Structure formats: C-alpha cells, structure tokens
ModelCIF file with pLDDT and N, C-alpha, C, O atoms, coordinates in Angstrom:
data_MODEL
#
_entry.id   MODEL 
#
_entity.id                         1 
_entity.type                       polymer 
_entity.pdbx_number_of_molecules   1 
#
_entity_poly.entity_id                      1 
_entity_poly.type                           'polypeptide(L)' 
_entity_poly.nstd_linkage                   no 
_entity_poly.nstd_monomer                   no 
_entity_poly.pdbx_seq_one_letter_code       IRERNLLAPLAAVTLTSASFAVVRVFLWPDSLPLRVALEVAYRIILLT 
_entity_poly.pdbx_seq_one_letter_code_can   IRERNLLAPLAAVTLTSASFAVVRVFLWPDSLPLRVALEVAYRIILLT 
_entity_poly.pdbx_strand_id                 A 
#
loop_
_entity_poly_seq.entity_id 
_entity_poly_seq.num 
_entity_poly_seq.mon_id 
_entity_poly_seq.hetero 
1 1  ILE n 
1 2  ARG n 
1 3  GLU n 
1 4  ARG n 
1 5  ASN n 
1 6  LEU n 
1 7  LEU n 
1 8  ALA n 
1 9  PRO n 
1 10 LEU n 
1 11 ALA n 
1 12 ALA n 
1 13 VAL n 
1 14 THR n 
1 15 LEU n 
1 16 THR n 
1 17 SER n 
1 18 ALA n 
1 19 SER n 
1 20 PHE n 
1 21 ALA n 
1 22 VAL n 
1 23 VAL n 
1 24 ARG n 
1 25 VAL n 
1 26 PHE n 
1 27 LEU n 
1 28 TRP n 
1 29 PRO n 
1 30 ASP n 
1 31 SER n 
1 32 LEU n 
1 33 PRO n 
1 34 LEU n 
1 35 ARG n 
1 36 VAL n 
1 37 ALA n 
1 38 LEU n 
1 39 GLU n 
1 40 VAL n 
1 41 ALA n 
1 42 TYR n 
1 43 ARG n 
1 44 ILE n 
1 45 ILE n 
1 46 LEU n 
1 47 LEU n 
1 48 THR n 
#
_struct_asym.id          A 
_struct_asym.entity_id   1 
#
loop_
_ma_qa_metric.id 
_ma_qa_metric.mode 
_ma_qa_metric.name 
_ma_qa_metric.software_group_id 
_ma_qa_metric.type 
1 global pLDDT . pLDDT 
2 local  pLDDT . pLDDT 
#
_ma_qa_metric_global.metric_id      1 
_ma_qa_metric_global.metric_value   90.27 
_ma_qa_metric_global.model_id       1 
_ma_qa_metric_global.ordinal_id     1 
#
loop_
_ma_qa_metric_local.label_asym_id 
_ma_qa_metric_local.label_comp_id 
_ma_qa_metric_local.label_seq_id 
_ma_qa_metric_local.metric_id 
_ma_qa_metric_local.metric_value 
_ma_qa_metric_local.model_id 
_ma_qa_metric_local.ordinal_id 
A ILE 1  2 88.00 1 1  
A ARG 2  2 88.00 1 2  
A GLU 3  2 85.00 1 3  
A ARG 4  2 85.00 1 4  
A ASN 5  2 89.00 1 5  
A LEU 6  2 88.00 1 6  
A LEU 7  2 90.00 1 7  
A ALA 8  2 91.00 1 8  
A PRO 9  2 93.00 1 9  
A LEU 10 2 92.00 1 10 
A ALA 11 2 93.00 1 11 
A ALA 12 2 94.00 1 12 
A VAL 13 2 93.00 1 13 
A THR 14 2 93.00 1 14 
A LEU 15 2 94.00 1 15 
A THR 16 2 94.00 1 16 
A SER 17 2 93.00 1 17 
A ALA 18 2 93.00 1 18 
A SER 19 2 94.00 1 19 
A PHE 20 2 93.00 1 20 
A ALA 21 2 91.00 1 21 
A VAL 22 2 92.00 1 22 
A VAL 23 2 93.00 1 23 
A ARG 24 2 92.00 1 24 
A VAL 25 2 88.00 1 25 
A PHE 26 2 90.00 1 26 
A LEU 27 2 91.00 1 27 
A TRP 28 2 88.00 1 28 
A PRO 29 2 85.00 1 29 
A ASP 30 2 87.00 1 30 
A SER 31 2 88.00 1 31 
A LEU 32 2 90.00 1 32 
A PRO 33 2 91.00 1 33 
A LEU 34 2 91.00 1 34 
A ARG 35 2 89.00 1 35 
A VAL 36 2 90.00 1 36 
A ALA 37 2 91.00 1 37 
A LEU 38 2 89.00 1 38 
A GLU 39 2 89.00 1 39 
A VAL 40 2 90.00 1 40 
A ALA 41 2 91.00 1 41 
A TYR 42 2 87.00 1 42 
A ARG 43 2 89.00 1 43 
A ILE 44 2 91.00 1 44 
A ILE 45 2 91.00 1 45 
A LEU 46 2 88.00 1 46 
A LEU 47 2 88.00 1 47 
A THR 48 2 90.00 1 48 
#
loop_
_atom_site.group_PDB 
_atom_site.id 
_atom_site.type_symbol 
_atom_site.label_atom_id 
_atom_site.label_alt_id 
_atom_site.label_comp_id 
_atom_site.label_asym_id 
_atom_site.label_entity_id 
_atom_site.label_seq_id 
_atom_site.pdbx_PDB_ins_code 
_atom_site.Cartn_x 
_atom_site.Cartn_y 
_atom_site.Cartn_z 
_atom_site.occupancy 
_atom_site.B_iso_or_equiv 
_atom_site.pdbx_formal_charge 
_atom_site.auth_seq_id 
_atom_site.auth_comp_id 
_atom_site.auth_asym_id 
_atom_site.auth_atom_id 
_atom_site.pdbx_PDB_model_num 
ATOM 1   N N  . ILE A 1 1  ? 204.278 117.917 -138.298 1.00 88.00 ? 1  ILE A N  1 
ATOM 2   C CA . ILE A 1 1  ? 205.398 117.032 -138.638 1.00 88.00 ? 1  ILE A CA 1 
ATOM 3   C C  . ILE A 1 1  ? 206.452 117.738 -139.496 1.00 88.00 ? 1  ILE A C  1 
ATOM 4   O O  . ILE A 1 1  ? 207.415 117.120 -139.951 1.00 88.00 ? 1  ILE A O  1 
ATOM 5   N N  . ARG A 1 2  ? 206.253 119.035 -139.707 1.00 88.00 ? 2  ARG A N  1 
ATOM 6   C CA . ARG A 1 2  ? 207.187 119.869 -140.465 1.00 88.00 ? 2  ARG A CA 1 
ATOM 7   C C  . ARG A 1 2  ? 207.374 119.368 -141.911 1.00 88.00 ? 2  ARG A C  1 
ATOM 8   O O  . ARG A 1 2  ? 208.490 119.287 -142.423 1.00 88.00 ? 2  ARG A O  1 
ATOM 9   N N  . GLU A 1 3  ? 206.262 119.044 -142.531 1.00 85.00 ? 3  GLU A N  1 
ATOM 10  C CA . GLU A 1 3  ? 206.258 118.579 -143.922 1.00 85.00 ? 3  GLU A CA 1 
ATOM 11  C C  . GLU A 1 3  ? 205.691 119.694 -144.790 1.00 85.00 ? 3  GLU A C  1 
ATOM 12  O O  . GLU A 1 3  ? 204.585 119.586 -145.319 1.00 85.00 ? 3  GLU A O  1 
ATOM 13  N N  . ARG A 1 4  ? 206.459 120.756 -144.928 1.00 85.00 ? 4  ARG A N  1 
ATOM 14  C CA . ARG A 1 4  ? 205.990 121.964 -145.605 1.00 85.00 ? 4  ARG A CA 1 
ATOM 15  C C  . ARG A 1 4  ? 205.830 121.787 -147.124 1.00 85.00 ? 4  ARG A C  1 
ATOM 16  O O  . ARG A 1 4  ? 205.080 122.532 -147.754 1.00 85.00 ? 4  ARG A O  1 
ATOM 17  N N  . ASN A 1 5  ? 206.518 120.824 -147.702 1.00 89.00 ? 5  ASN A N  1 
ATOM 18  C CA . ASN A 1 5  ? 206.409 120.660 -149.155 1.00 89.00 ? 5  ASN A CA 1 
ATOM 19  C C  . ASN A 1 5  ? 205.067 120.046 -149.571 1.00 89.00 ? 5  ASN A C  1 
ATOM 20  O O  . ASN A 1 5  ? 204.752 120.014 -150.761 1.00 89.00 ? 5  ASN A O  1 
ATOM 21  N N  . LEU A 1 6  ? 204.279 119.563 -148.617 1.00 88.00 ? 6  LEU A N  1 
ATOM 22  C CA . LEU A 1 6  ? 202.954 119.038 -148.943 1.00 88.00 ? 6  LEU A CA 1 
ATOM 23  C C  . LEU A 1 6  ? 201.847 120.074 -148.785 1.00 88.00 ? 6  LEU A C  1 
ATOM 24  O O  . LEU A 1 6  ? 200.693 119.798 -149.114 1.00 88.00 ? 6  LEU A O  1 
ATOM 25  N N  . LEU A 1 7  ? 202.180 121.253 -148.290 1.00 90.00 ? 7  LEU A N  1 
ATOM 26  C CA . LEU A 1 7  ? 201.151 122.266 -148.044 1.00 90.00 ? 7  LEU A CA 1 
ATOM 27  C C  . LEU A 1 7  ? 200.582 122.856 -149.339 1.00 90.00 ? 7  LEU A C  1 
ATOM 28  O O  . LEU A 1 7  ? 199.379 123.107 -149.414 1.00 90.00 ? 7  LEU A O  1 
ATOM 29  N N  . ALA A 1 8  ? 201.409 123.081 -150.344 1.00 91.00 ? 8  ALA A N  1 
ATOM 30  C CA . ALA A 1 8  ? 200.910 123.638 -151.615 1.00 91.00 ? 8  ALA A CA 1 
ATOM 31  C C  . ALA A 1 8  ? 199.991 122.654 -152.340 1.00 91.00 ? 8  ALA A C  1 
ATOM 32  O O  . ALA A 1 8  ? 198.915 123.057 -152.782 1.00 91.00 ? 8  ALA A O  1 
ATOM 33  N N  . PRO A 1 9  ? 200.372 121.375 -152.481 1.00 93.00 ? 9  PRO A N  1 
ATOM 34  C CA . PRO A 1 9  ? 199.424 120.440 -153.094 1.00 93.00 ? 9  PRO A CA 1 
ATOM 35  C C  . PRO A 1 9  ? 198.147 120.271 -152.271 1.00 93.00 ? 9  PRO A C  1 
ATOM 36  O O  . PRO A 1 9  ? 197.060 120.115 -152.825 1.00 93.00 ? 9  PRO A O  1 
ATOM 37  N N  . LEU A 1 10 ? 198.288 120.304 -150.949 1.00 92.00 ? 10 LEU A N  1 
ATOM 38  C CA . LEU A 1 10 ? 197.106 120.200 -150.094 1.00 92.00 ? 10 LEU A CA 1 
ATOM 39  C C  . LEU A 1 10 ? 196.167 121.377 -150.328 1.00 92.00 ? 10 LEU A C  1 
ATOM 40  O O  . LEU A 1 10 ? 194.952 121.191 -150.411 1.00 92.00 ? 10 LEU A O  1 
ATOM 41  N N  . ALA A 1 11 ? 196.707 122.567 -150.435 1.00 93.00 ? 11 ALA A N  1 
ATOM 42  C CA . ALA A 1 11 ? 195.871 123.746 -150.682 1.00 93.00 ? 11 ALA A CA 1 
ATOM 43  C C  . ALA A 1 11 ? 195.151 123.625 -152.021 1.00 93.00 ? 11 ALA A C  1 
ATOM 44  O O  . ALA A 1 11 ? 193.973 123.968 -152.123 1.00 93.00 ? 11 ALA A O  1 
ATOM 45  N N  . ALA A 1 12 ? 195.837 123.148 -153.031 1.00 94.00 ? 12 ALA A N  1 
ATOM 46  C CA . ALA A 1 12 ? 195.209 122.994 -154.349 1.00 94.00 ? 12 ALA A CA 1 
ATOM 47  C C  . ALA A 1 12 ? 194.091 121.954 -154.314 1.00 94.00 ? 12 ALA A C  1 
ATOM 48  O O  . ALA A 1 12 ? 193.010 122.181 -154.858 1.00 94.00 ? 12 ALA A O  1 
ATOM 49  N N  . VAL A 1 13 ? 194.349 120.828 -153.682 1.00 93.00 ? 13 VAL A N  1 
ATOM 50  C CA . VAL A 1 13 ? 193.338 119.772 -153.618 1.00 93.00 ? 13 VAL A CA 1 
ATOM 51  C C  . VAL A 1 13 ? 192.152 120.203 -152.747 1.00 93.00 ? 13 VAL A C  1 
ATOM 52  O O  . VAL A 1 13 ? 191.002 119.906 -153.070 1.00 93.00 ? 13 VAL A O  1 
ATOM 53  N N  . THR A 1 14 ? 192.432 120.896 -151.656 1.00 93.00 ? 14 THR A N  1 
ATOM 54  C CA . THR A 1 14 ? 191.367 121.341 -150.770 1.00 93.00 ? 14 THR A CA 1 
ATOM 55  C C  . THR A 1 14 ? 190.473 122.373 -151.451 1.00 93.00 ? 14 THR A C  1 
ATOM 56  O O  . THR A 1 14 ? 189.248 122.272 -151.386 1.00 93.00 ? 14 THR A O  1 
ATOM 57  N N  . LEU A 1 15 ? 191.068 123.350 -152.095 1.00 94.00 ? 15 LEU A N  1 
ATOM 58  C CA . LEU A 1 15 ? 190.265 124.358 -152.793 1.00 94.00 ? 15 LEU A CA 1 
ATOM 59  C C  . LEU A 1 15 ? 189.475 123.750 -153.951 1.00 94.00 ? 15 LEU A C  1 
ATOM 60  O O  . LEU A 1 15 ? 188.343 124.156 -154.213 1.00 94.00 ? 15 LEU A O  1 
ATOM 61  N N  . THR A 1 16 ? 190.071 122.782 -154.641 1.00 94.00 ? 16 THR A N  1 
ATOM 62  C CA . THR A 1 16 ? 189.360 122.104 -155.710 1.00 94.00 ? 16 THR A CA 1 
ATOM 63  C C  . THR A 1 16 ? 188.174 121.314 -155.160 1.00 94.00 ? 16 THR A C  1 
ATOM 64  O O  . THR A 1 16 ? 187.085 121.335 -155.735 1.00 94.00 ? 16 THR A O  1 
ATOM 65  N N  . SER A 1 17 ? 188.392 120.616 -154.043 1.00 93.00 ? 17 SER A N  1 
ATOM 66  C CA . SER A 1 17 ? 187.307 119.839 -153.430 1.00 93.00 ? 17 SER A CA 1 
ATOM 67  C C  . SER A 1 17 ? 186.184 120.745 -152.940 1.00 93.00 ? 17 SER A C  1 
ATOM 68  O O  . SER A 1 17 ? 185.008 120.434 -153.127 1.00 93.00 ? 17 SER A O  1 
ATOM 69  N N  . ALA A 1 18 ? 186.536 121.852 -152.320 1.00 93.00 ? 18 ALA A N  1 
ATOM 70  C CA . ALA A 1 18 ? 185.515 122.780 -151.834 1.00 93.00 ? 18 ALA A CA 1 
ATOM 71  C C  . ALA A 1 18 ? 184.740 123.390 -152.999 1.00 93.00 ? 18 ALA A C  1 
ATOM 72  O O  . ALA A 1 18 ? 183.518 123.526 -152.931 1.00 93.00 ? 18 ALA A O  1 
ATOM 73  N N  . SER A 1 19 ? 185.437 123.752 -154.052 1.00 94.00 ? 19 SER A N  1 
ATOM 74  C CA . SER A 1 19 ? 184.758 124.302 -155.234 1.00 94.00 ? 19 SER A CA 1 
ATOM 75  C C  . SER A 1 19 ? 183.851 123.263 -155.875 1.00 94.00 ? 19 SER A C  1 
ATOM 76  O O  . SER A 1 19 ? 182.728 123.569 -156.275 1.00 94.00 ? 19 SER A O  1 
ATOM 77  N N  . PHE A 1 20 ? 184.342 122.040 -155.969 1.00 93.00 ? 20 PHE A N  1 
ATOM 78  C CA . PHE A 1 20 ? 183.533 120.967 -156.540 1.00 93.00 ? 20 PHE A CA 1 
ATOM 79  C C  . PHE A 1 20 ? 182.300 120.695 -155.685 1.00 93.00 ? 20 PHE A C  1 
ATOM 80  O O  . PHE A 1 20 ? 181.233 120.386 -156.216 1.00 93.00 ? 20 PHE A O  1 
ATOM 81  N N  . ALA A 1 21 ? 182.439 120.807 -154.361 1.00 91.00 ? 21 ALA A N  1 
ATOM 82  C CA . ALA A 1 21 ? 181.294 120.607 -153.473 1.00 91.00 ? 21 ALA A CA 1 
ATOM 83  C C  . ALA A 1 21 ? 180.205 121.640 -153.752 1.00 91.00 ? 21 ALA A C  1 
ATOM 84  O O  . ALA A 1 21 ? 179.020 121.305 -153.777 1.00 91.00 ? 21 ALA A O  1 
ATOM 85  N N  . VAL A 1 22 ? 180.600 122.878 -153.959 1.00 92.00 ? 22 VAL A N  1 
ATOM 86  C CA . VAL A 1 22 ? 179.625 123.937 -154.241 1.00 92.00 ? 22 VAL A CA 1 
ATOM 87  C C  . VAL A 1 22 ? 178.961 123.708 -155.601 1.00 92.00 ? 22 VAL A C  1 
ATOM 88  O O  . VAL A 1 22 ? 177.741 123.807 -155.729 1.00 92.00 ? 22 VAL A O  1 
ATOM 89  N N  . VAL A 1 23 ? 179.769 123.405 -156.603 1.00 93.00 ? 23 VAL A N  1 
ATOM 90  C CA . VAL A 1 23 ? 179.226 123.185 -157.946 1.00 93.00 ? 23 VAL A CA 1 
ATOM 91  C C  . VAL A 1 23 ? 178.302 121.973 -157.959 1.00 93.00 ? 23 VAL A C  1 
ATOM 92  O O  . VAL A 1 23 ? 177.260 121.990 -158.614 1.00 93.00 ? 23 VAL A O  1 
ATOM 93  N N  . ARG A 1 24 ? 178.680 120.929 -157.243 1.00 92.00 ? 24 ARG A N  1 
ATOM 94  C CA . ARG A 1 24 ? 177.863 119.717 -157.206 1.00 92.00 ? 24 ARG A CA 1 
ATOM 95  C C  . ARG A 1 24 ? 176.490 119.986 -156.596 1.00 92.00 ? 24 ARG A C  1 
ATOM 96  O O  . ARG A 1 24 ? 175.483 119.459 -157.070 1.00 92.00 ? 24 ARG A O  1 
ATOM 97  N N  . VAL A 1 25 ? 176.448 120.805 -155.546 1.00 88.00 ? 25 VAL A N  1 
ATOM 98  C CA . VAL A 1 25 ? 175.166 121.109 -154.903 1.00 88.00 ? 25 VAL A CA 1 
ATOM 99  C C  . VAL A 1 25 ? 174.233 121.844 -155.856 1.00 88.00 ? 25 VAL A C  1 
ATOM 100 O O  . VAL A 1 25 ? 173.033 121.568 -155.877 1.00 88.00 ? 25 VAL A O  1 
ATOM 101 N N  . PHE A 1 26 ? 174.756 122.763 -156.635 1.00 90.00 ? 26 PHE A N  1 
ATOM 102 C CA . PHE A 1 26 ? 173.897 123.565 -157.505 1.00 90.00 ? 26 PHE A CA 1 
ATOM 103 C C  . PHE A 1 26 ? 173.561 122.885 -158.831 1.00 90.00 ? 26 PHE A C  1 
ATOM 104 O O  . PHE A 1 26 ? 172.442 123.020 -159.327 1.00 90.00 ? 26 PHE A O  1 
ATOM 105 N N  . LEU A 1 27 ? 174.513 122.158 -159.406 1.00 91.00 ? 27 LEU A N  1 
ATOM 106 C CA . LEU A 1 27 ? 174.279 121.582 -160.728 1.00 91.00 ? 27 LEU A CA 1 
ATOM 107 C C  . LEU A 1 27 ? 173.799 120.136 -160.702 1.00 91.00 ? 27 LEU A C  1 
ATOM 108 O O  . LEU A 1 27 ? 172.926 119.761 -161.484 1.00 91.00 ? 27 LEU A O  1 
ATOM 109 N N  . TRP A 1 28 ? 174.360 119.320 -159.810 1.00 88.00 ? 28 TRP A N  1 
ATOM 110 C CA . TRP A 1 28 ? 174.031 117.893 -159.770 1.00 88.00 ? 28 TRP A CA 1 
ATOM 111 C C  . TRP A 1 28 ? 173.759 117.441 -158.338 1.00 88.00 ? 28 TRP A C  1 
ATOM 112 O O  . TRP A 1 28 ? 174.510 116.618 -157.813 1.00 88.00 ? 28 TRP A O  1 
ATOM 113 N N  . PRO A 1 29 ? 172.723 117.944 -157.694 1.00 85.00 ? 29 PRO A N  1 
ATOM 114 C CA . PRO A 1 29 ? 172.507 117.621 -156.284 1.00 85.00 ? 29 PRO A CA 1 
ATOM 115 C C  . PRO A 1 29 ? 172.150 116.160 -156.026 1.00 85.00 ? 29 PRO A C  1 
ATOM 116 O O  . PRO A 1 29 ? 172.404 115.660 -154.931 1.00 85.00 ? 29 PRO A O  1 
ATOM 117 N N  . ASP A 1 30 ? 171.570 115.464 -157.001 1.00 87.00 ? 30 ASP A N  1 
ATOM 118 C CA . ASP A 1 30 ? 171.142 114.087 -156.783 1.00 87.00 ? 30 ASP A CA 1 
ATOM 119 C C  . ASP A 1 30 ? 172.059 113.059 -157.420 1.00 87.00 ? 30 ASP A C  1 
ATOM 120 O O  . ASP A 1 30 ? 171.696 111.885 -157.494 1.00 87.00 ? 30 ASP A O  1 
ATOM 121 N N  . SER A 1 31 ? 173.224 113.459 -157.877 1.00 88.00 ? 31 SER A N  1 
ATOM 122 C CA . SER A 1 31 ? 174.137 112.547 -158.549 1.00 88.00 ? 31 SER A CA 1 
ATOM 123 C C  . SER A 1 31 ? 174.943 111.753 -157.519 1.00 88.00 ? 31 SER A C  1 
ATOM 124 O O  . SER A 1 31 ? 175.792 112.309 -156.822 1.00 88.00 ? 31 SER A O  1 
ATOM 125 N N  . LEU A 1 32 ? 174.674 110.474 -157.433 1.00 90.00 ? 32 LEU A N  1 
ATOM 126 C CA . LEU A 1 32 ? 175.377 109.615 -156.486 1.00 90.00 ? 32 LEU A CA 1 
ATOM 127 C C  . LEU A 1 32 ? 176.861 109.447 -156.830 1.00 90.00 ? 32 LEU A C  1 
ATOM 128 O O  . LEU A 1 32 ? 177.687 109.498 -155.919 1.00 90.00 ? 32 LEU A O  1 
ATOM 129 N N  . PRO A 1 33 ? 177.238 109.250 -158.096 1.00 91.00 ? 33 PRO A N  1 
ATOM 130 C CA . PRO A 1 33 ? 178.673 109.107 -158.391 1.00 91.00 ? 33 PRO A CA 1 
ATOM 131 C C  . PRO A 1 33 ? 179.492 110.354 -158.035 1.00 91.00 ? 33 PRO A C  1 
ATOM 132 O O  . PRO A 1 33 ? 180.632 110.236 -157.585 1.00 91.00 ? 33 PRO A O  1 
ATOM 133 N N  . LEU A 1 34 ? 178.921 111.537 -158.232 1.00 91.00 ? 34 LEU A N  1 
ATOM 134 C CA . LEU A 1 34 ? 179.665 112.751 -157.880 1.00 91.00 ? 34 LEU A CA 1 
ATOM 135 C C  . LEU A 1 34 ? 179.762 112.921 -156.370 1.00 91.00 ? 34 LEU A C  1 
ATOM 136 O O  . LEU A 1 34 ? 180.771 113.414 -155.867 1.00 91.00 ? 34 LEU A O  1 
ATOM 137 N N  . ARG A 1 35 ? 178.728 112.520 -155.647 1.00 89.00 ? 35 ARG A N  1 
ATOM 138 C CA . ARG A 1 35 ? 178.799 112.567 -154.187 1.00 89.00 ? 35 ARG A CA 1 
ATOM 139 C C  . ARG A 1 35 ? 179.860 111.608 -153.668 1.00 89.00 ? 35 ARG A C  1 
ATOM 140 O O  . ARG A 1 35 ? 180.614 111.941 -152.754 1.00 89.00 ? 35 ARG A O  1 
ATOM 141 N N  . VAL A 1 36 ? 179.916 110.413 -154.257 1.00 90.00 ? 36 VAL A N  1 
ATOM 142 C CA . VAL A 1 36 ? 180.936 109.439 -153.862 1.00 90.00 ? 36 VAL A CA 1 
ATOM 143 C C  . VAL A 1 36 ? 182.326 109.977 -154.192 1.00 90.00 ? 36 VAL A C  1 
ATOM 144 O O  . VAL A 1 36 ? 183.258 109.818 -153.403 1.00 90.00 ? 36 VAL A O  1 
ATOM 145 N N  . ALA A 1 37 ? 182.468 110.608 -155.345 1.00 91.00 ? 37 ALA A N  1 
ATOM 146 C CA . ALA A 1 37 ? 183.766 111.180 -155.718 1.00 91.00 ? 37 ALA A CA 1 
ATOM 147 C C  . ALA A 1 37 ? 184.211 112.239 -154.720 1.00 91.00 ? 37 ALA A C  1 
ATOM 148 O O  . ALA A 1 37 ? 185.389 112.311 -154.372 1.00 91.00 ? 37 ALA A O  1 
ATOM 149 N N  . LEU A 1 38 ? 183.282 113.054 -154.261 1.00 89.00 ? 38 LEU A N  1 
ATOM 150 C CA . LEU A 1 38 ? 183.611 114.088 -153.280 1.00 89.00 ? 38 LEU A CA 1 
ATOM 151 C C  . LEU A 1 38 ? 184.007 113.467 -151.939 1.00 89.00 ? 38 LEU A C  1 
ATOM 152 O O  . LEU A 1 38 ? 184.958 113.917 -151.301 1.00 89.00 ? 38 LEU A O  1 
ATOM 153 N N  . GLU A 1 39 ? 183.284 112.445 -151.520 1.00 89.00 ? 39 GLU A N  1 
ATOM 154 C CA . GLU A 1 39 ? 183.635 111.786 -150.267 1.00 89.00 ? 39 GLU A CA 1 
ATOM 155 C C  . GLU A 1 39 ? 184.973 111.074 -150.366 1.00 89.00 ? 39 GLU A C  1 
ATOM 156 O O  . GLU A 1 39 ? 185.738 111.058 -149.402 1.00 89.00 ? 39 GLU A O  1 
ATOM 157 N N  . VAL A 1 40 ? 185.262 110.487 -151.512 1.00 90.00 ? 40 VAL A N  1 
ATOM 158 C CA . VAL A 1 40 ? 186.567 109.852 -151.710 1.00 90.00 ? 40 VAL A CA 1 
ATOM 159 C C  . VAL A 1 40 ? 187.672 110.904 -151.679 1.00 90.00 ? 40 VAL A C  1 
ATOM 160 O O  . VAL A 1 40 ? 188.752 110.647 -151.148 1.00 90.00 ? 40 VAL A O  1 
ATOM 161 N N  . ALA A 1 41 ? 187.415 112.081 -152.239 1.00 91.00 ? 41 ALA A N  1 
ATOM 162 C CA . ALA A 1 41 ? 188.429 113.141 -152.254 1.00 91.00 ? 41 ALA A CA 1 
ATOM 163 C C  . ALA A 1 41 ? 188.803 113.579 -150.843 1.00 91.00 ? 41 ALA A C  1 
ATOM 164 O O  . ALA A 1 41 ? 189.987 113.714 -150.536 1.00 91.00 ? 41 ALA A O  1 
ATOM 165 N N  . TYR A 1 42 ? 187.806 113.805 -149.972 1.00 87.00 ? 42 TYR A N  1 
ATOM 166 C CA . TYR A 1 42 ? 188.184 114.245 -148.634 1.00 87.00 ? 42 TYR A CA 1 
ATOM 167 C C  . TYR A 1 42 ? 188.775 113.109 -147.817 1.00 87.00 ? 42 TYR A C  1 
ATOM 168 O O  . TYR A 1 42 ? 189.579 113.356 -146.918 1.00 87.00 ? 42 TYR A O  1 
ATOM 169 N N  . ARG A 1 43 ? 188.396 111.871 -148.104 1.00 89.00 ? 43 ARG A N  1 
ATOM 170 C CA . ARG A 1 43 ? 189.024 110.742 -147.409 1.00 89.00 ? 43 ARG A CA 1 
ATOM 171 C C  . ARG A 1 43 ? 190.480 110.558 -147.844 1.00 89.00 ? 43 ARG A C  1 
ATOM 172 O O  . ARG A 1 43 ? 191.324 110.154 -147.043 1.00 89.00 ? 43 ARG A O  1 
ATOM 173 N N  . ILE A 1 44 ? 190.769 110.851 -149.097 1.00 91.00 ? 44 ILE A N  1 
ATOM 174 C CA . ILE A 1 44 ? 192.155 110.785 -149.560 1.00 91.00 ? 44 ILE A CA 1 
ATOM 175 C C  . ILE A 1 44 ? 192.995 111.848 -148.861 1.00 91.00 ? 44 ILE A C  1 
ATOM 176 O O  . ILE A 1 44 ? 194.143 111.591 -148.498 1.00 91.00 ? 44 ILE A O  1 
ATOM 177 N N  . ILE A 1 45 ? 192.435 113.032 -148.671 1.00 91.00 ? 45 ILE A N  1 
ATOM 178 C CA . ILE A 1 45 ? 193.138 114.088 -147.937 1.00 91.00 ? 45 ILE A CA 1 
ATOM 179 C C  . ILE A 1 45 ? 193.457 113.618 -146.527 1.00 91.00 ? 45 ILE A C  1 
ATOM 180 O O  . ILE A 1 45 ? 194.582 113.775 -146.054 1.00 91.00 ? 45 ILE A O  1 
ATOM 181 N N  . LEU A 1 46 ? 192.465 113.040 -145.858 1.00 88.00 ? 46 LEU A N  1 
ATOM 182 C CA . LEU A 1 46 ? 192.685 112.551 -144.493 1.00 88.00 ? 46 LEU A CA 1 
ATOM 183 C C  . LEU A 1 46 ? 193.659 111.380 -144.457 1.00 88.00 ? 46 LEU A C  1 
ATOM 184 O O  . LEU A 1 46 ? 194.498 111.300 -143.560 1.00 88.00 ? 46 LEU A O  1 
ATOM 185 N N  . LEU A 1 47 ? 193.556 110.482 -145.414 1.00 88.00 ? 47 LEU A N  1 
ATOM 186 C CA . LEU A 1 47 ? 194.460 109.337 -145.454 1.00 88.00 ? 47 LEU A CA 1 
ATOM 187 C C  . LEU A 1 47 ? 195.895 109.771 -145.698 1.00 88.00 ? 47 LEU A C  1 
ATOM 188 O O  . LEU A 1 47 ? 196.820 109.215 -145.105 1.00 88.00 ? 47 LEU A O  1 
ATOM 189 N N  . THR A 1 48 ? 196.088 110.750 -146.556 1.00 90.00 ? 48 THR A N  1 
ATOM 190 C CA . THR A 1 48 ? 197.428 111.273 -146.803 1.00 90.00 ? 48 THR A CA 1 
ATOM 191 C C  . THR A 1 48 ? 198.019 111.883 -145.543 1.00 90.00 ? 48 THR A C  1 
ATOM 192 O O  . THR A 1 48 ? 199.147 112.375 -145.566 1.00 90.00 ? 48 THR A O  1 
#
C-alpha cells in the first residue's frame, strides 16, 4: 500500500516481540500473562 512511514515502527515492534518471545521461553515459560501479552502483541501487528 506504499505506507513506508510505518516500516520503521513495525521493525522496532517486531524485533521487540521476537526478543521478548525468546526471553519469555527461557525465563518465564509457564507465565500465562506474559504469553497473553505476546499473543496480543502479534495480533496488534496484524490488526494494524
């Protein structure tokens, strides 16, 4: 859609989500609120 001004924020949010996913697996694998937060983060990316 040629919306280039959203690519930089998308990259920041995506890298943050991916990093958080890795940290969550190693530090808090059974934490339900953090899993929900991660799922909400990727759904917000898709919704945007």
